[in-house]
Amino acid sequence: MLVETIQTEDLSQLDKLINEIIEQRTVMDIKLSVTPFREKLVYTALIMLDE
């Protein structure tokens, strides 16, 4: 199992990057989190891949 990590401040960019990974690889699970950081929100996705 491999784990990809994506972090961005733009939710639409996170969605686009997750969709690109889903189209190219076999995804087992995705965990999402939101963290406040310096008056902004940081979106993080942990993507578990079956490889």
PDB file of N, CA and C in Angstrom:
ATOM      1  N   MET A   1       0.839  -1.171   0.000  1.00  0.00           N
ATOM      2  CA  MET A   1       0.000   0.000   0.000  1.00  0.00           C
ATOM      3  C   MET A   1       0.892   1.245   0.000  1.00  0.00           C
ATOM      4  N   LEU A   2       0.525   2.191  -0.827  1.00  0.00           N
ATOM      5  CA  LEU A   2       1.196   3.488  -0.890  1.00  0.00           C
ATOM      6  C   LEU A   2       0.245   4.564  -0.390  1.00  0.00           C
ATOM      7  N   VAL A   3       0.802   5.643   0.146  1.00  0.00           N
ATOM      8  CA  VAL A   3      -0.010   6.762   0.601  1.00  0.00           C
ATOM      9  C   VAL A   3       0.477   8.031  -0.078  1.00  0.00           C
ATOM     10  N   GLU A   4      -0.431   8.706  -0.751  1.00  0.00           N
ATOM     11  CA  GLU A   4      -0.146  10.011  -1.360  1.00  0.00           C
ATOM     12  C   GLU A   4      -0.726  11.079  -0.439  1.00  0.00           C
ATOM     13  N   THR A   5      -0.013  12.181  -0.273  1.00  0.00           N
ATOM     14  CA  THR A   5      -0.500  13.294   0.534  1.00  0.00           C
ATOM     15  C   THR A   5      -0.603  14.531  -0.354  1.00  0.00           C
ATOM     16  N   ILE A   6      -1.756  15.188  -0.276  1.00  0.00           N
ATOM     17  CA  ILE A   6      -1.978  16.420  -1.033  1.00  0.00           C
ATOM     18  C   ILE A   6      -2.395  17.495  -0.040  1.00  0.00           C
ATOM     19  N   GLN A   7      -1.753  18.664  -0.122  1.00  0.00           N
ATOM     20  CA  GLN A   7      -2.136  19.803   0.717  1.00  0.00           C
ATOM     21  C   GLN A   7      -2.273  21.036  -0.156  1.00  0.00           C
ATOM     22  N   THR A   8      -3.333  21.788   0.089  1.00  0.00           N
ATOM     23  CA  THR A   8      -3.563  23.015  -0.650  1.00  0.00           C
ATOM     24  C   THR A   8      -4.479  23.931   0.151  1.00  0.00           C
ATOM     25  N   GLU A   9      -4.475  25.203  -0.188  1.00  0.00           N
ATOM     26  CA  GLU A   9      -5.390  26.157   0.438  1.00  0.00           C
ATOM     27  C   GLU A   9      -6.646  26.343  -0.402  1.00  0.00           C
ATOM     28  N   ASP A  10      -6.692  25.747  -1.574  1.00  0.00           N
ATOM     29  CA  ASP A  10      -7.808  25.903  -2.508  1.00  0.00           C
ATOM     30  C   ASP A  10      -8.567  24.578  -2.617  1.00  0.00           C
ATOM     31  N   LEU A  11      -9.811  24.572  -2.160  1.00  0.00           N
ATOM     32  CA  LEU A  11     -10.611  23.347  -2.146  1.00  0.00           C
ATOM     33  C   LEU A  11     -10.863  22.799  -3.548  1.00  0.00           C
ATOM     34  N   SER A  12     -11.079  23.664  -4.516  1.00  0.00           N
ATOM     35  CA  SER A  12     -11.318  23.194  -5.883  1.00  0.00           C
ATOM     36  C   SER A  12     -10.064  22.555  -6.477  1.00  0.00           C
ATOM     37  N   GLN A  13      -8.900  23.057  -6.128  1.00  0.00           N
ATOM     38  CA  GLN A  13      -7.650  22.460  -6.594  1.00  0.00           C
ATOM     39  C   GLN A  13      -7.459  21.082  -5.955  1.00  0.00           C
ATOM     40  N   LEU A  14      -7.794  20.946  -4.683  1.00  0.00           N
ATOM     41  CA  LEU A  14      -7.708  19.649  -4.003  1.00  0.00           C
ATOM     42  C   LEU A  14      -8.610  18.646  -4.697  1.00  0.00           C
ATOM     43  N   ASP A  15      -9.830  19.047  -5.014  1.00  0.00           N
ATOM     44  CA  ASP A  15     -10.776  18.167  -5.707  1.00  0.00           C
ATOM     45  C   ASP A  15     -10.220  17.726  -7.054  1.00  0.00           C
ATOM     46  N   LYS A  16      -9.643  18.651  -7.799  1.00  0.00           N
ATOM     47  CA  LYS A  16      -9.076  18.343  -9.117  1.00  0.00           C
ATOM     48  C   LYS A  16      -7.922  17.337  -8.992  1.00  0.00           C
ATOM     49  N   LEU A  17      -7.035  17.543  -8.026  1.00  0.00           N
ATOM     50  CA  LEU A  17      -5.890  16.646  -7.848  1.00  0.00           C
ATOM     51  C   LEU A  17      -6.328  15.253  -7.399  1.00  0.00           C
ATOM     52  N   ILE A  18      -7.316  15.197  -6.520  1.00  0.00           N
ATOM     53  CA  ILE A  18      -7.833  13.893  -6.081  1.00  0.00           C
ATOM     54  C   ILE A  18      -8.447  13.148  -7.266  1.00  0.00           C
ATOM     55  N   ASN A  19      -9.221  13.845  -8.076  1.00  0.00           N
ATOM     56  CA  ASN A  19      -9.843  13.203  -9.244  1.00  0.00           C
ATOM     57  C   ASN A  19      -8.804  12.680 -10.228  1.00  0.00           C
ATOM     58  N   GLU A  20      -7.711  13.400 -10.420  1.00  0.00           N
ATOM     59  CA  GLU A  20      -6.638  12.939 -11.304  1.00  0.00           C
ATOM     60  C   GLU A  20      -6.032  11.635 -10.792  1.00  0.00           C
ATOM     61  N   ILE A  21      -5.826  11.545  -9.482  1.00  0.00           N
ATOM     62  CA  ILE A  21      -5.262  10.322  -8.903  1.00  0.00           C
ATOM     63  C   ILE A  21      -6.245   9.164  -9.042  1.00  0.00           C
ATOM     64  N   ILE A  22      -7.533   9.427  -8.790  1.00  0.00           N
ATOM     65  CA  ILE A  22      -8.551   8.382  -8.896  1.00  0.00           C
ATOM     66  C   ILE A  22      -8.612   7.824 -10.311  1.00  0.00           C
ATOM     67  N   GLU A  23      -8.473   8.671 -11.328  1.00  0.00           N
ATOM     68  CA  GLU A  23      -8.522   8.232 -12.723  1.00  0.00           C
ATOM     69  C   GLU A  23      -7.315   7.379 -13.105  1.00  0.00           C
ATOM     70  N   GLN A  24      -6.161   7.619 -12.474  1.00  0.00           N
ATOM     71  CA  GLN A  24      -4.928   6.952 -12.874  1.00  0.00           C
ATOM     72  C   GLN A  24      -4.580   5.725 -12.044  1.00  0.00           C
ATOM     73  N   ARG A  25      -5.094   5.608 -10.814  1.00  0.00           N
ATOM     74  CA  ARG A  25      -4.668   4.555  -9.902  1.00  0.00           C
ATOM     75  C   ARG A  25      -5.849   3.918  -9.191  1.00  0.00           C
ATOM     76  N   THR A  26      -5.597   2.781  -8.545  1.00  0.00           N
ATOM     77  CA  THR A  26      -6.613   2.112  -7.746  1.00  0.00           C
ATOM     78  C   THR A  26      -6.547   2.656  -6.321  1.00  0.00           C
ATOM     79  N   VAL A  27      -7.602   3.352  -5.911  1.00  0.00           N
ATOM     80  CA  VAL A  27      -7.643   3.990  -4.602  1.00  0.00           C
ATOM     81  C   VAL A  27      -8.407   3.102  -3.622  1.00  0.00           C
ATOM     82  N   MET A  28      -7.794   2.850  -2.456  1.00  0.00           N
ATOM     83  CA  MET A  28      -8.437   2.050  -1.418  1.00  0.00           C
ATOM     84  C   MET A  28      -9.261   2.932  -0.477  1.00  0.00           C
ATOM     85  N   ASP A  29      -8.754   4.096  -0.126  1.00  0.00           N
ATOM     86  CA  ASP A  29      -9.438   4.966   0.827  1.00  0.00           C
ATOM     87  C   ASP A  29      -8.879   6.378   0.715  1.00  0.00           C
ATOM     88  N   ILE A  30      -9.679   7.350   1.130  1.00  0.00           N
ATOM     89  CA  ILE A  30      -9.261   8.752   1.158  1.00  0.00           C
ATOM     90  C   ILE A  30      -9.680   9.339   2.498  1.00  0.00           C
ATOM     91  N   LYS A  31      -8.751   9.996   3.165  1.00  0.00           N
ATOM     92  CA  LYS A  31      -9.024  10.690   4.424  1.00  0.00           C
ATOM     93  C   LYS A  31      -8.800  12.176   4.188  1.00  0.00           C
ATOM     94  N   LEU A  32      -9.778  12.969   4.566  1.00  0.00           N
ATOM     95  CA  LEU A  32      -9.694  14.413   4.378  1.00  0.00           C
ATOM     96  C   LEU A  32      -9.649  15.116   5.718  1.00  0.00           C
ATOM     97  N   SER A  33      -8.897  16.222   5.775  1.00  0.00           N
ATOM     98  CA  SER A  33      -8.879  17.041   6.988  1.00  0.00           C
ATOM     99  C   SER A  33      -8.719  18.507   6.603  1.00  0.00           C
ATOM    100  N   VAL A  34      -9.181  19.367   7.493  1.00  0.00           N
ATOM    101  CA  VAL A  34      -9.067  20.811   7.315  1.00  0.00           C
ATOM    102  C   VAL A  34      -8.390  21.369   8.563  1.00  0.00           C
ATOM    103  N   THR A  35      -7.347  22.183   8.348  1.00  0.00           N
ATOM    104  CA  THR A  35      -6.597  22.751   9.461  1.00  0.00           C
ATOM    105  C   THR A  35      -6.520  24.266   9.314  1.00  0.00           C
ATOM    106  N   PRO A  36      -6.929  25.018  10.335  1.00  0.00           N
ATOM    107  CA  PRO A  36      -6.733  26.468  10.287  1.00  0.00           C
ATOM    108  C   PRO A  36      -5.250  26.788  10.469  1.00  0.00           C
ATOM    109  N   PHE A  37      -4.715  27.642   9.602  1.00  0.00           N
ATOM    110  CA  PHE A  37      -3.296  27.988   9.658  1.00  0.00           C
ATOM    111  C   PHE A  37      -3.132  29.435   9.213  1.00  0.00           C
ATOM    112  N   ARG A  38      -2.721  30.282  10.126  1.00  0.00           N
ATOM    113  CA  ARG A  38      -2.460  31.702   9.831  1.00  0.00           C
ATOM    114  C   ARG A  38      -3.612  32.359   9.076  1.00  0.00           C
ATOM    115  N   GLU A  39      -4.791  32.307   9.665  1.00  0.00           N
ATOM    116  CA  GLU A  39      -5.994  32.932   9.123  1.00  0.00           C
ATOM    117  C   GLU A  39      -6.444  32.348   7.786  1.00  0.00           C
ATOM    118  N   LYS A  40      -5.967  31.167   7.433  1.00  0.00           N
ATOM    119  CA  LYS A  40      -6.392  30.474   6.224  1.00  0.00           C
ATOM    120  C   LYS A  40      -6.723  29.040   6.600  1.00  0.00           C
ATOM    121  N   LEU A  41      -7.358  28.343   5.679  1.00  0.00           N
ATOM    122  CA  LEU A  41      -7.623  26.915   5.860  1.00  0.00           C
ATOM    123  C   LEU A  41      -6.717  26.118   4.939  1.00  0.00           C
ATOM    124  N   VAL A  42      -6.123  25.069   5.479  1.00  0.00           N
ATOM    125  CA  VAL A  42      -5.291  24.167   4.690  1.00  0.00           C
ATOM    126  C   VAL A  42      -6.035  22.839   4.600  1.00  0.00           C
ATOM    127  N   TYR A  43      -6.297  22.406   3.368  1.00  0.00           N
ATOM    128  CA  TYR A  43      -6.993  21.148   3.122  1.00  0.00           C
ATOM    129  C   TYR A  43      -5.954  20.071   2.846  1.00  0.00           C
ATOM    130  N   THR A  44      -6.108  18.932   3.513  1.00  0.00           N
ATOM    131  CA  THR A  44      -5.175  17.826   3.342  1.00  0.00           C
ATOM    132  C   THR A  44      -5.954  16.570   2.976  1.00  0.00           C
ATOM    133  N   ALA A  45      -5.423  15.839   2.002  1.00  0.00           N
ATOM    134  CA  ALA A  45      -6.006  14.548   1.623  1.00  0.00           C
ATOM    135  C   ALA A  45      -4.917  13.485   1.716  1.00  0.00           C
ATOM    136  N   LEU A  46      -5.208  12.433   2.440  1.00  0.00           N
ATOM    137  CA  LEU A  46      -4.343  11.249   2.464  1.00  0.00           C
ATOM    138  C   LEU A  46      -5.042  10.212   1.597  1.00  0.00           C
ATOM    139  N   ILE A  47      -4.371   9.780   0.558  1.00  0.00           N
ATOM    140  CA  ILE A  47      -4.964   8.846  -0.391  1.00  0.00           C
ATOM    141  C   ILE A  47      -4.205   7.534  -0.324  1.00  0.00           C
ATOM    142  N   MET A  48      -4.896   6.476   0.097  1.00  0.00           N
ATOM    143  CA  MET A  48      -4.285   5.163   0.193  1.00  0.00           C
ATOM    144  C   MET A  48      -4.486   4.419  -1.122  1.00  0.00           C
ATOM    145  N   LEU A  49      -3.377   4.021  -1.722  1.00  0.00           N
ATOM    146  CA  LEU A  49      -3.407   3.383  -3.035  1.00  0.00           C
ATOM    147  C   LEU A  49      -3.102   1.891  -2.908  1.00  0.00           C
ATOM    148  N   ASP A  50      -3.758   1.109  -3.738  1.00  0.00           N
ATOM    149  CA  ASP A  50      -3.539  -0.337  -3.758  1.00  0.00           C
ATOM    150  C   ASP A  50      -2.517  -0.647  -4.838  1.00  0.00           C
ATOM    151  N   GLU A  51      -1.234  -0.622  -4.455  1.00  0.00           N
ATOM    152  CA  GLU A  51      -0.164  -0.904  -5.420  1.00  0.00           C
ATOM    153  C   GLU A  51       0.916  -1.726  -4.768  1.00  0.00           C
TER     154      GLU A  51
END
